[in-house]
Amino acid sequence: MLEGMRKHGMRKHGMEKLRLAVGYAAIAGTLPYLALKFSWLSGGDLGVVDPEAMATPEMYFGNAFTAGMDVVAIVVALAFTHDWGNRLPAWLVLFPAWVGTGFLAPIVLSAPVIGFDLALGERPDDVLAHWVVPVVYGSFIWQGCTLLTAFVLYARQRWPHAFAAGRHLGRPGVLGGSGAALAVLTAVALLVRAYTGTGSPATRFVEGLVGVLALVAAAAVVARVRAPRRAWWPVVAGWTGSAAMFSGGFWATFTLAGFTASPGVGEVLVRSGQTLGGVLLAAALLGTARAASGAAASERARHAVPQR
């Protein structure tokens, strides 16, 4: 028994060291991106070919907003790696982690295509130096790999029962059904755009990938109620797909509102539906996770009652 406790303590200590290393690696990955953003916000011209383009109110607000997102990523990484992160309210950790997953997971999954596109594509930029885009995408890919790993380690330690499933969880409900319907419509729109669009291969690939992730999220939320206990894939797929829908839709809506003179009504509707669908799927996934946690607590309480 003592030997088992000792081995358990060693495994726990090793996991804590791994979380610490991965979390600080994620923080290191934010530094190149933040260096560029802080330079531009302070009037510097690091990596800028046309400084006047960075001086517009829209660009200043966009740079401030994205720099703030990376600062939040640093705080979240620290929460993943230190004990005080376990004492934070769940929503304070889950929401930024979910949003960050939506922004970074599609880029990580598209890394080979992005790298190939950057290596072979010749797209002269009148605003930024040629090395800026590779540095930015490299930073995003590094952050995605490390932050998502840190989050998985954190979540498995703090909410182990959220990865459980079983028939006792019930149906997806109105939220899940509505989110799944919007996910299908989003997927169709994005896949058509990826096939017929005029953007770079990497841009079109990411659009299509988000469409695929939307379909996977819809299937995962429905399948979660039927998966065998301890099935982890519906949780991961539902989390990633709903996050990709929300973050991609939110950023597209933000861009349309701030940088497009007259956005098309159809585009606004598609992006709004994409954003809302991500929220609904995430809410349905959260509901089943709560049901799994409640069922696990009841199971523990039942076994804790002394038998006569």
C-alpha atoms as a PDB file:
ATOM      1  CA  MET A   1       0.000   0.000   0.000  1.00  0.00           C
ATOM      2  CA  LEU A   2       2.787   2.412   0.902  1.00  0.00           C
ATOM      3  CA  GLU A   3       4.557   1.541  -2.334  1.00  0.00           C
ATOM      4  CA  GLY A   4       1.407   2.355  -4.297  1.00  0.00           C
ATOM      5  CA  MET A   5       1.041   5.698  -2.534  1.00  0.00           C
ATOM      6  CA  ARG A   6       4.652   6.500  -3.261  1.00  0.00           C
ATOM      7  CA  LYS A   7       4.255   5.713  -6.962  1.00  0.00           C
ATOM      8  CA  HIS A   8       1.071   7.789  -7.097  1.00  0.00           C
ATOM      9  CA  GLY A   9       2.903  10.720  -5.514  1.00  0.00           C
ATOM     10  CA  MET A  10       5.735  10.398  -8.024  1.00  0.00           C
ATOM     11  CA  ARG A  11       3.315  10.359 -10.941  1.00  0.00           C
ATOM     12  CA  LYS A  12       1.526  13.417  -9.578  1.00  0.00           C
ATOM     13  CA  HIS A  13       4.807  15.265  -9.100  1.00  0.00           C
ATOM     14  CA  GLY A  14       5.886  14.366 -12.626  1.00  0.00           C
ATOM     15  CA  MET A  15       2.563  15.598 -14.054  1.00  0.00           C
ATOM     16  CA  GLU A  16       2.906  18.888 -12.180  1.00  0.00           C
ATOM     17  CA  LYS A  17       6.402  19.388 -13.606  1.00  0.00           C
ATOM     18  CA  LEU A  18       5.116  18.643 -17.096  1.00  0.00           C
ATOM     19  CA  ARG A  19       2.274  21.150 -16.695  1.00  0.00           C
ATOM     20  CA  LEU A  20       4.753  23.771 -15.509  1.00  0.00           C
ATOM     21  CA  ALA A  21       7.108  23.201 -18.433  1.00  0.00           C
ATOM     22  CA  VAL A  22       4.344  23.230 -21.055  1.00  0.00           C
ATOM     23  CA  GLY A  23       2.690  26.319 -19.560  1.00  0.00           C
ATOM     24  CA  TYR A  24       5.868  28.386 -19.593  1.00  0.00           C
ATOM     25  CA  ALA A  25       6.682  27.152 -23.088  1.00  0.00           C
ATOM     26  CA  ALA A  26       3.292  28.544 -24.132  1.00  0.00           C
ATOM     27  CA  ILE A  27       4.123  31.902 -22.551  1.00  0.00           C
ATOM     28  CA  ALA A  28       7.445  31.990 -24.417  1.00  0.00           C
ATOM     29  CA  GLY A  29       5.518  31.482 -27.647  1.00  0.00           C
ATOM     30  CA  THR A  30       3.525  34.682 -27.120  1.00  0.00           C
ATOM     31  CA  LEU A  31       6.599  36.916 -26.943  1.00  0.00           C
ATOM     32  CA  PRO A  32       7.333  37.375 -30.693  1.00  0.00           C
ATOM     33  CA  TYR A  33       3.715  38.284 -31.405  1.00  0.00           C
ATOM     34  CA  LEU A  34       3.508  40.648 -28.453  1.00  0.00           C
ATOM     35  CA  ALA A  35       6.791  42.309 -29.421  1.00  0.00           C
ATOM     36  CA  LEU A  36       5.322  43.166 -32.825  1.00  0.00           C
ATOM     37  CA  LYS A  37       2.032  44.386 -31.351  1.00  0.00           C
ATOM     38  CA  PHE A  38       3.620  46.553 -28.665  1.00  0.00           C
ATOM     39  CA  SER A  39       5.966  48.065 -31.254  1.00  0.00           C
ATOM     40  CA  TRP A  40       3.064  48.998 -33.501  1.00  0.00           C
ATOM     41  CA  LEU A  41       0.941  50.313 -30.642  1.00  0.00           C
ATOM     42  CA  SER A  42       3.780  52.537 -29.441  1.00  0.00           C
ATOM     43  CA  GLY A  43       4.357  53.991 -32.904  1.00  0.00           C
ATOM     44  CA  GLY A  44       7.300  51.762 -33.821  1.00  0.00           C
ATOM     45  CA  ASP A  45       7.883  50.327 -37.274  1.00  0.00           C
ATOM     46  CA  LEU A  46       9.196  46.838 -36.466  1.00  0.00           C
ATOM     47  CA  GLY A  47       8.413  44.741 -39.537  1.00  0.00           C
ATOM     48  CA  VAL A  48       6.325  47.538 -41.068  1.00  0.00           C
ATOM     49  CA  VAL A  49       6.876  48.727 -44.650  1.00  0.00           C
ATOM     50  CA  ASP A  50       4.179  51.414 -44.594  1.00  0.00           C
ATOM     51  CA  PRO A  51       3.973  52.996 -41.092  1.00  0.00           C
ATOM     52  CA  GLU A  52       1.010  55.170 -42.099  1.00  0.00           C
ATOM     53  CA  ALA A  53      -1.138  52.074 -42.612  1.00  0.00           C
ATOM     54  CA  MET A  54      -0.647  51.197 -38.947  1.00  0.00           C
ATOM     55  CA  ALA A  55      -1.647  54.661 -37.765  1.00  0.00           C
ATOM     56  CA  THR A  56      -5.354  54.400 -38.614  1.00  0.00           C
ATOM     57  CA  PRO A  57      -7.826  54.116 -35.721  1.00  0.00           C
ATOM     58  CA  GLU A  58      -9.103  50.767 -37.033  1.00  0.00           C
ATOM     59  CA  MET A  59      -5.626  49.233 -37.131  1.00  0.00           C
ATOM     60  CA  TYR A  60      -4.746  50.645 -33.710  1.00  0.00           C
ATOM     61  CA  PHE A  61      -7.891  49.166 -32.176  1.00  0.00           C
ATOM     62  CA  GLY A  62      -7.338  45.834 -33.931  1.00  0.00           C
ATOM     63  CA  ASN A  63      -3.733  45.638 -32.723  1.00  0.00           C
ATOM     64  CA  ALA A  64      -4.749  46.583 -29.174  1.00  0.00           C
ATOM     65  CA  PHE A  65      -7.508  43.972 -29.180  1.00  0.00           C
ATOM     66  CA  THR A  66      -5.301  41.135 -30.436  1.00  0.00           C
ATOM     67  CA  ALA A  67      -2.449  42.106 -28.103  1.00  0.00           C
ATOM     68  CA  GLY A  68      -4.921  41.971 -25.225  1.00  0.00           C
ATOM     69  CA  MET A  69      -5.960  38.473 -26.303  1.00  0.00           C
ATOM     70  CA  ASP A  70      -2.341  37.312 -26.088  1.00  0.00           C
ATOM     71  CA  VAL A  71      -1.977  38.866 -22.626  1.00  0.00           C
ATOM     72  CA  VAL A  72      -5.056  36.893 -21.564  1.00  0.00           C
ATOM     73  CA  ALA A  73      -3.382  33.782 -23.009  1.00  0.00           C
ATOM     74  CA  ILE A  74      -0.426  34.352 -20.692  1.00  0.00           C
ATOM     75  CA  VAL A  75      -2.690  34.619 -17.639  1.00  0.00           C
ATOM     76  CA  VAL A  76      -4.565  31.474 -18.677  1.00  0.00           C
ATOM     77  CA  ALA A  77      -1.290  29.591 -19.177  1.00  0.00           C
ATOM     78  CA  LEU A  78      -0.253  30.533 -15.647  1.00  0.00           C
ATOM     79  CA  ALA A  79      -3.616  29.306 -14.339  1.00  0.00           C
ATOM     80  CA  PHE A  80      -3.042  25.985 -16.091  1.00  0.00           C
ATOM     81  CA  THR A  81       0.351  25.512 -14.461  1.00  0.00           C
ATOM     82  CA  HIS A  82      -0.104  26.696 -10.867  1.00  0.00           C
ATOM     83  CA  ASP A  83      -2.306  25.483  -8.035  1.00  0.00           C
ATOM     84  CA  TRP A  84      -4.175  28.789  -7.734  1.00  0.00           C
ATOM     85  CA  GLY A  85      -5.651  28.053 -11.140  1.00  0.00           C
ATOM     86  CA  ASN A  86      -7.643  25.182  -9.613  1.00  0.00           C
ATOM     87  CA  ARG A  87      -9.342  27.631  -7.250  1.00  0.00           C
ATOM     88  CA  LEU A  88     -10.556  30.021  -9.945  1.00  0.00           C
ATOM     89  CA  PRO A  89     -14.249  29.910 -10.946  1.00  0.00           C
ATOM     90  CA  ALA A  90     -14.662  27.410 -13.752  1.00  0.00           C
ATOM     91  CA  TRP A  91     -16.084  29.932 -16.239  1.00  0.00           C
ATOM     92  CA  LEU A  92     -13.125  32.252 -15.745  1.00  0.00           C
ATOM     93  CA  VAL A  93     -10.827  29.540 -17.073  1.00  0.00           C
ATOM     94  CA  LEU A  94     -13.091  27.726 -19.496  1.00  0.00           C
ATOM     95  CA  PHE A  95     -14.298  30.677 -21.562  1.00  0.00           C
ATOM     96  CA  PRO A  96     -10.892  32.081 -22.586  1.00  0.00           C
ATOM     97  CA  ALA A  97      -9.563  28.536 -23.046  1.00  0.00           C
ATOM     98  CA  TRP A  98     -12.518  27.741 -25.317  1.00  0.00           C
ATOM     99  CA  VAL A  99     -12.101  30.916 -27.357  1.00  0.00           C
ATOM    100  CA  GLY A 100      -8.352  30.311 -27.632  1.00  0.00           C
ATOM    101  CA  THR A 101      -8.986  26.754 -28.811  1.00  0.00           C
ATOM    102  CA  GLY A 102     -11.236  28.095 -31.544  1.00  0.00           C
ATOM    103  CA  PHE A 103      -8.600  30.499 -32.818  1.00  0.00           C
ATOM    104  CA  LEU A 104      -5.561  28.253 -32.518  1.00  0.00           C
ATOM    105  CA  ALA A 105      -6.717  24.689 -33.208  1.00  0.00           C
ATOM    106  CA  PRO A 106      -7.565  25.304 -36.911  1.00  0.00           C
ATOM    107  CA  ILE A 107      -4.163  26.952 -37.416  1.00  0.00           C
ATOM    108  CA  VAL A 108      -2.343  24.062 -35.724  1.00  0.00           C
ATOM    109  CA  LEU A 109      -4.233  21.484 -37.792  1.00  0.00           C
ATOM    110  CA  SER A 110      -3.517  23.502 -40.951  1.00  0.00           C
ATOM    111  CA  ALA A 111       0.183  24.012 -40.152  1.00  0.00           C
ATOM    112  CA  PRO A 112       1.548  21.906 -43.060  1.00  0.00           C
ATOM    113  CA  VAL A 113      -0.636  23.723 -45.609  1.00  0.00           C
ATOM    114  CA  ILE A 114       0.208  27.127 -44.110  1.00  0.00           C
ATOM    115  CA  GLY A 115       3.924  26.322 -44.161  1.00  0.00           C
ATOM    116  CA  PHE A 116       3.765  25.103 -47.760  1.00  0.00           C
ATOM    117  CA  ASP A 117       1.815  28.190 -48.800  1.00  0.00           C
ATOM    118  CA  LEU A 118       4.272  30.546 -47.102  1.00  0.00           C
ATOM    119  CA  ALA A 119       7.250  28.721 -48.622  1.00  0.00           C
ATOM    120  CA  LEU A 120       5.984  28.754 -52.210  1.00  0.00           C
ATOM    121  CA  GLY A 121       3.554  31.649 -52.397  1.00  0.00           C
ATOM    122  CA  GLU A 122       4.772  35.039 -53.529  1.00  0.00           C
ATOM    123  CA  ARG A 123       2.365  37.693 -52.310  1.00  0.00           C
ATOM    124  CA  PRO A 124       4.093  41.074 -51.983  1.00  0.00           C
ATOM    125  CA  ASP A 125       2.748  43.026 -49.031  1.00  0.00           C
ATOM    126  CA  ASP A 126       2.723  46.811 -49.107  1.00  0.00           C
ATOM    127  CA  VAL A 127       2.289  47.043 -45.334  1.00  0.00           C
ATOM    128  CA  LEU A 128       4.374  44.332 -43.631  1.00  0.00           C
ATOM    129  CA  ALA A 129       7.861  42.969 -44.215  1.00  0.00           C
ATOM    130  CA  HIS A 130       8.057  39.496 -45.743  1.00  0.00           C
ATOM    131  CA  TRP A 131       9.192  37.852 -42.489  1.00  0.00           C
ATOM    132  CA  VAL A 132       6.299  39.082 -40.325  1.00  0.00           C
ATOM    133  CA  VAL A 133       3.596  36.630 -41.454  1.00  0.00           C
ATOM    134  CA  PRO A 134       5.794  33.510 -40.928  1.00  0.00           C
ATOM    135  CA  VAL A 135       6.743  34.766 -37.456  1.00  0.00           C
ATOM    136  CA  VAL A 136       3.099  35.414 -36.558  1.00  0.00           C
ATOM    137  CA  TYR A 137       1.898  32.026 -37.792  1.00  0.00           C
ATOM    138  CA  GLY A 138       4.845  30.294 -36.140  1.00  0.00           C
ATOM    139  CA  SER A 139       3.894  31.966 -32.873  1.00  0.00           C
ATOM    140  CA  PHE A 140       0.263  30.881 -33.272  1.00  0.00           C
ATOM    141  CA  ILE A 141       1.208  27.271 -34.021  1.00  0.00           C
ATOM    142  CA  TRP A 142       3.570  27.127 -31.042  1.00  0.00           C
ATOM    143  CA  GLN A 143       0.954  28.665 -28.751  1.00  0.00           C
ATOM    144  CA  GLY A 144      -1.690  26.292 -30.040  1.00  0.00           C
ATOM    145  CA  CYS A 145       0.365  23.156 -29.412  1.00  0.00           C
ATOM    146  CA  THR A 146       1.546  24.186 -25.967  1.00  0.00           C
ATOM    147  CA  LEU A 147      -1.600  25.922 -24.660  1.00  0.00           C
ATOM    148  CA  LEU A 148      -3.910  23.123 -25.774  1.00  0.00           C
ATOM    149  CA  THR A 149      -1.614  20.535 -24.190  1.00  0.00           C
ATOM    150  CA  ALA A 150      -1.508  22.520 -20.949  1.00  0.00           C
ATOM    151  CA  PHE A 151      -5.287  22.842 -20.956  1.00  0.00           C
ATOM    152  CA  VAL A 152      -5.818  19.096 -21.449  1.00  0.00           C
ATOM    153  CA  LEU A 153      -3.495  18.341 -18.525  1.00  0.00           C
ATOM    154  CA  TYR A 154      -5.300  20.929 -16.394  1.00  0.00           C
ATOM    155  CA  ALA A 155      -8.808  19.794 -17.334  1.00  0.00           C
ATOM    156  CA  ARG A 156      -8.110  16.094 -16.785  1.00  0.00           C
ATOM    157  CA  GLN A 157      -6.840  16.914 -13.301  1.00  0.00           C
ATOM    158  CA  ARG A 158      -9.616  19.349 -12.325  1.00  0.00           C
ATOM    159  CA  TRP A 159     -12.661  17.851 -14.104  1.00  0.00           C
ATOM    160  CA  PRO A 160     -11.983  14.145 -14.661  1.00  0.00           C
ATOM    161  CA  HIS A 161     -15.710  13.291 -14.705  1.00  0.00           C
ATOM    162  CA  ALA A 162     -16.358  15.649 -17.625  1.00  0.00           C
ATOM    163  CA  PHE A 163     -14.674  13.057 -19.831  1.00  0.00           C
ATOM    164  CA  ALA A 164     -17.183  10.403 -18.808  1.00  0.00           C
ATOM    165  CA  ALA A 165     -20.224   9.586 -20.899  1.00  0.00           C
ATOM    166  CA  GLY A 166     -23.059   7.146 -20.950  1.00  0.00           C
ATOM    167  CA  ARG A 167     -26.714   6.675 -21.788  1.00  0.00           C
ATOM    168  CA  HIS A 168     -27.768   8.296 -18.521  1.00  0.00           C
ATOM    169  CA  LEU A 169     -26.871  11.722 -19.948  1.00  0.00           C
ATOM    170  CA  GLY A 170     -30.086  12.022 -21.971  1.00  0.00           C
ATOM    171  CA  ARG A 171     -30.699  13.704 -25.309  1.00  0.00           C
ATOM    172  CA  PRO A 172     -28.853  16.805 -26.616  1.00  0.00           C
ATOM    173  CA  GLY A 173     -32.027  18.873 -26.210  1.00  0.00           C
ATOM    174  CA  VAL A 174     -33.092  22.043 -27.992  1.00  0.00           C
ATOM    175  CA  LEU A 175     -29.710  23.724 -27.585  1.00  0.00           C
ATOM    176  CA  GLY A 176     -27.811  20.798 -29.058  1.00  0.00           C
ATOM    177  CA  GLY A 177     -30.293  20.288 -31.894  1.00  0.00           C
ATOM    178  CA  SER A 178     -30.329  23.974 -32.831  1.00  0.00           C
ATOM    179  CA  GLY A 179     -26.554  24.195 -32.634  1.00  0.00           C
ATOM    180  CA  ALA A 180     -26.181  21.078 -34.790  1.00  0.00           C
ATOM    181  CA  ALA A 181     -28.501  22.543 -37.441  1.00  0.00           C
ATOM    182  CA  LEU A 182     -26.516  25.790 -37.534  1.00  0.00           C
ATOM    183  CA  ALA A 183     -23.296  23.768 -37.657  1.00  0.00           C
ATOM    184  CA  VAL A 184     -24.485  21.933 -40.781  1.00  0.00           C
ATOM    185  CA  LEU A 185     -25.455  25.200 -42.484  1.00  0.00           C
ATOM    186  CA  THR A 186     -22.115  26.730 -41.488  1.00  0.00           C
ATOM    187  CA  ALA A 187     -20.235  23.724 -42.812  1.00  0.00           C
ATOM    188  CA  VAL A 188     -21.978  23.899 -46.175  1.00  0.00           C
ATOM    189  CA  ALA A 189     -21.264  27.618 -46.544  1.00  0.00           C
ATOM    190  CA  LEU A 190     -17.604  27.330 -45.542  1.00  0.00           C
ATOM    191  CA  LEU A 191     -16.897  24.247 -47.634  1.00  0.00           C
ATOM    192  CA  VAL A 192     -18.419  25.891 -50.709  1.00  0.00           C
ATOM    193  CA  ARG A 193     -16.301  28.970 -50.052  1.00  0.00           C
ATOM    194  CA  ALA A 194     -13.180  26.858 -49.604  1.00  0.00           C
ATOM    195  CA  TYR A 195     -13.831  25.197 -52.961  1.00  0.00           C
ATOM    196  CA  THR A 196     -14.835  28.249 -54.972  1.00  0.00           C
ATOM    197  CA  GLY A 197     -13.036  31.055 -53.112  1.00  0.00           C
ATOM    198  CA  THR A 198     -10.246  33.224 -54.478  1.00  0.00           C
ATOM    199  CA  GLY A 199      -8.092  33.480 -51.353  1.00  0.00           C
ATOM    200  CA  SER A 200      -4.719  31.823 -50.793  1.00  0.00           C
ATOM    201  CA  PRO A 201      -4.635  28.014 -50.522  1.00  0.00           C
ATOM    202  CA  ALA A 202      -3.947  28.266 -46.792  1.00  0.00           C
ATOM    203  CA  THR A 203      -6.864  30.643 -46.197  1.00  0.00           C
ATOM    204  CA  ARG A 204      -9.249  28.424 -48.139  1.00  0.00           C
ATOM    205  CA  PHE A 205      -7.989  25.313 -46.374  1.00  0.00           C
ATOM    206  CA  VAL A 206      -8.572  26.850 -42.937  1.00  0.00           C
ATOM    207  CA  GLU A 207     -12.095  27.893 -43.972  1.00  0.00           C
ATOM    208  CA  GLY A 208     -12.882  24.371 -45.134  1.00  0.00           C
ATOM    209  CA  LEU A 209     -11.337  22.878 -42.005  1.00  0.00           C
ATOM    210  CA  VAL A 210     -13.570  25.003 -39.775  1.00  0.00           C
ATOM    211  CA  GLY A 211     -16.516  23.697 -41.776  1.00  0.00           C
ATOM    212  CA  VAL A 212     -15.406  20.116 -41.162  1.00  0.00           C
ATOM    213  CA  LEU A 213     -14.888  20.839 -37.460  1.00  0.00           C
ATOM    214  CA  ALA A 214     -18.421  22.250 -37.301  1.00  0.00           C
ATOM    215  CA  LEU A 215     -19.807  18.961 -38.636  1.00  0.00           C
ATOM    216  CA  VAL A 216     -17.642  16.977 -36.224  1.00  0.00           C
ATOM    217  CA  ALA A 217     -18.857  19.094 -33.297  1.00  0.00           C
ATOM    218  CA  ALA A 218     -22.499  18.527 -34.238  1.00  0.00           C
ATOM    219  CA  ALA A 219     -21.919  14.769 -34.463  1.00  0.00           C
ATOM    220  CA  ALA A 220     -19.967  14.749 -31.195  1.00  0.00           C
ATOM    221  CA  VAL A 221     -22.666  16.517 -29.174  1.00  0.00           C
ATOM    222  CA  VAL A 222     -25.241  14.013 -30.413  1.00  0.00           C
ATOM    223  CA  ALA A 223     -22.902  11.027 -30.004  1.00  0.00           C
ATOM    224  CA  ARG A 224     -21.841  12.053 -26.497  1.00  0.00           C
ATOM    225  CA  VAL A 225     -25.073  10.780 -25.011  1.00  0.00           C
ATOM    226  CA  ARG A 226     -24.531   7.358 -26.605  1.00  0.00           C
ATOM    227  CA  ALA A 227     -20.792   6.906 -26.203  1.00  0.00           C
ATOM    228  CA  PRO A 228     -19.502   4.315 -23.737  1.00  0.00           C
ATOM    229  CA  ARG A 229     -18.369   5.592 -20.392  1.00  0.00           C
ATOM    230  CA  ARG A 230     -14.949   7.242 -20.329  1.00  0.00           C
ATOM    231  CA  ALA A 231     -15.138   7.959 -24.070  1.00  0.00           C
ATOM    232  CA  TRP A 232     -13.052  11.095 -24.459  1.00  0.00           C
ATOM    233  CA  TRP A 233     -13.434  11.821 -28.165  1.00  0.00           C
ATOM    234  CA  PRO A 234     -16.919  13.435 -28.053  1.00  0.00           C
ATOM    235  CA  VAL A 235     -15.685  15.892 -25.439  1.00  0.00           C
ATOM    236  CA  VAL A 236     -12.583  16.864 -27.415  1.00  0.00           C
ATOM    237  CA  ALA A 237     -14.406  16.991 -30.764  1.00  0.00           C
ATOM    238  CA  GLY A 238     -17.373  18.949 -29.411  1.00  0.00           C
ATOM    239  CA  TRP A 239     -15.128  21.388 -27.561  1.00  0.00           C
ATOM    240  CA  THR A 240     -12.824  22.000 -30.528  1.00  0.00           C
ATOM    241  CA  GLY A 241     -15.532  22.204 -33.177  1.00  0.00           C
ATOM    242  CA  SER A 242     -17.841  24.516 -31.250  1.00  0.00           C
ATOM    243  CA  ALA A 243     -14.885  26.739 -30.340  1.00  0.00           C
ATOM    244  CA  ALA A 244     -13.727  26.927 -33.968  1.00  0.00           C
ATOM    245  CA  MET A 245     -17.246  27.912 -35.029  1.00  0.00           C
ATOM    246  CA  PHE A 246     -17.532  30.630 -32.401  1.00  0.00           C
ATOM    247  CA  SER A 247     -14.062  32.138 -32.708  1.00  0.00           C
ATOM    248  CA  GLY A 248     -14.015  32.055 -36.498  1.00  0.00           C
ATOM    249  CA  GLY A 249     -17.502  33.538 -36.714  1.00  0.00           C
ATOM    250  CA  PHE A 250     -16.783  36.192 -34.101  1.00  0.00           C
ATOM    251  CA  TRP A 251     -13.542  37.288 -35.767  1.00  0.00           C
ATOM    252  CA  ALA A 252     -15.168  37.425 -39.204  1.00  0.00           C
ATOM    253  CA  THR A 253     -18.039  39.510 -37.806  1.00  0.00           C
ATOM    254  CA  PHE A 254     -15.561  41.791 -36.024  1.00  0.00           C
ATOM    255  CA  THR A 255     -13.616  42.242 -39.272  1.00  0.00           C
ATOM    256  CA  LEU A 256     -16.751  42.907 -41.291  1.00  0.00           C
ATOM    257  CA  ALA A 257     -17.943  45.528 -38.820  1.00  0.00           C
ATOM    258  CA  GLY A 258     -14.612  47.300 -38.409  1.00  0.00           C
ATOM    259  CA  PHE A 259     -12.822  46.973 -41.732  1.00  0.00           C
ATOM    260  CA  THR A 260     -15.504  46.519 -44.417  1.00  0.00           C
ATOM    261  CA  ALA A 261     -17.344  49.542 -45.733  1.00  0.00           C
ATOM    262  CA  SER A 262     -20.494  47.700 -46.811  1.00  0.00           C
ATOM    263  CA  PRO A 263     -20.568  44.056 -45.705  1.00  0.00           C
ATOM    264  CA  GLY A 264     -23.032  41.831 -47.545  1.00  0.00           C
ATOM    265  CA  VAL A 265     -26.164  40.780 -45.703  1.00  0.00           C
ATOM    266  CA  GLY A 266     -25.624  37.135 -46.601  1.00  0.00           C
ATOM    267  CA  GLU A 267     -22.105  37.169 -45.206  1.00  0.00           C
ATOM    268  CA  VAL A 268     -23.263  38.773 -41.964  1.00  0.00           C
ATOM    269  CA  LEU A 269     -26.033  36.181 -41.573  1.00  0.00           C
ATOM    270  CA  VAL A 270     -23.672  33.263 -42.198  1.00  0.00           C
ATOM    271  CA  ARG A 271     -21.115  34.536 -39.734  1.00  0.00           C
ATOM    272  CA  SER A 272     -23.733  35.366 -37.105  1.00  0.00           C
ATOM    273  CA  GLY A 273     -25.234  31.894 -37.458  1.00  0.00           C
ATOM    274  CA  GLN A 274     -21.770  30.374 -37.201  1.00  0.00           C
ATOM    275  CA  THR A 275     -21.072  32.276 -33.972  1.00  0.00           C
ATOM    276  CA  LEU A 276     -24.441  31.428 -32.431  1.00  0.00           C
ATOM    277  CA  GLY A 277     -24.138  27.770 -33.441  1.00  0.00           C
ATOM    278  CA  GLY A 278     -20.818  27.503 -31.642  1.00  0.00           C
ATOM    279  CA  VAL A 279     -22.361  28.926 -28.476  1.00  0.00           C
ATOM    280  CA  LEU A 280     -25.333  26.538 -28.611  1.00  0.00           C
ATOM    281  CA  LEU A 281     -23.159  23.457 -29.168  1.00  0.00           C
ATOM    282  CA  ALA A 282     -20.878  24.474 -26.309  1.00  0.00           C
ATOM    283  CA  ALA A 283     -23.889  24.978 -24.024  1.00  0.00           C
ATOM    284  CA  ALA A 284     -25.195  21.518 -24.919  1.00  0.00           C
ATOM    285  CA  LEU A 285     -21.770  19.991 -24.275  1.00  0.00           C
ATOM    286  CA  LEU A 286     -21.569  21.770 -20.930  1.00  0.00           C
ATOM    287  CA  GLY A 287     -24.987  20.399 -19.999  1.00  0.00           C
ATOM    288  CA  THR A 288     -23.922  16.804 -20.646  1.00  0.00           C
ATOM    289  CA  ALA A 289     -20.675  17.393 -18.756  1.00  0.00           C
ATOM    290  CA  ARG A 290     -22.653  18.606 -15.749  1.00  0.00           C
ATOM    291  CA  ALA A 291     -24.889  15.556 -16.013  1.00  0.00           C
ATOM    292  CA  ALA A 292     -21.844  13.294 -16.079  1.00  0.00           C
ATOM    293  CA  SER A 293     -20.378  15.047 -13.046  1.00  0.00           C
ATOM    294  CA  GLY A 294     -23.686  14.762 -11.151  1.00  0.00           C
ATOM    295  CA  ALA A 295     -24.014  11.078 -12.023  1.00  0.00           C
ATOM    296  CA  ALA A 296     -20.458  10.440 -10.878  1.00  0.00           C
ATOM    297  CA  ALA A 297     -21.096  12.258  -7.593  1.00  0.00           C
ATOM    298  CA  SER A 298     -24.239  10.177  -6.993  1.00  0.00           C
ATOM    299  CA  GLU A 299     -22.286   7.022  -7.739  1.00  0.00           C
ATOM    300  CA  ARG A 300     -19.596   7.962  -5.233  1.00  0.00           C
ATOM    301  CA  ALA A 301     -22.203   8.824  -2.592  1.00  0.00           C
ATOM    302  CA  ARG A 302     -23.984   5.490  -3.131  1.00  0.00           C
ATOM    303  CA  HIS A 303     -20.776   3.531  -2.681  1.00  0.00           C
ATOM    304  CA  ALA A 304     -19.873   5.594   0.370  1.00  0.00           C
ATOM    305  CA  VAL A 305     -23.001   4.419   2.257  1.00  0.00           C
ATOM    306  CA  PRO A 306     -21.924   1.614   4.619  1.00  0.00           C
ATOM    307  CA  GLN A 307     -23.484  -1.729   3.775  1.00  0.00           C
ATOM    308  CA  ARG A 308     -25.262  -3.623   6.549  1.00  0.00           C
END
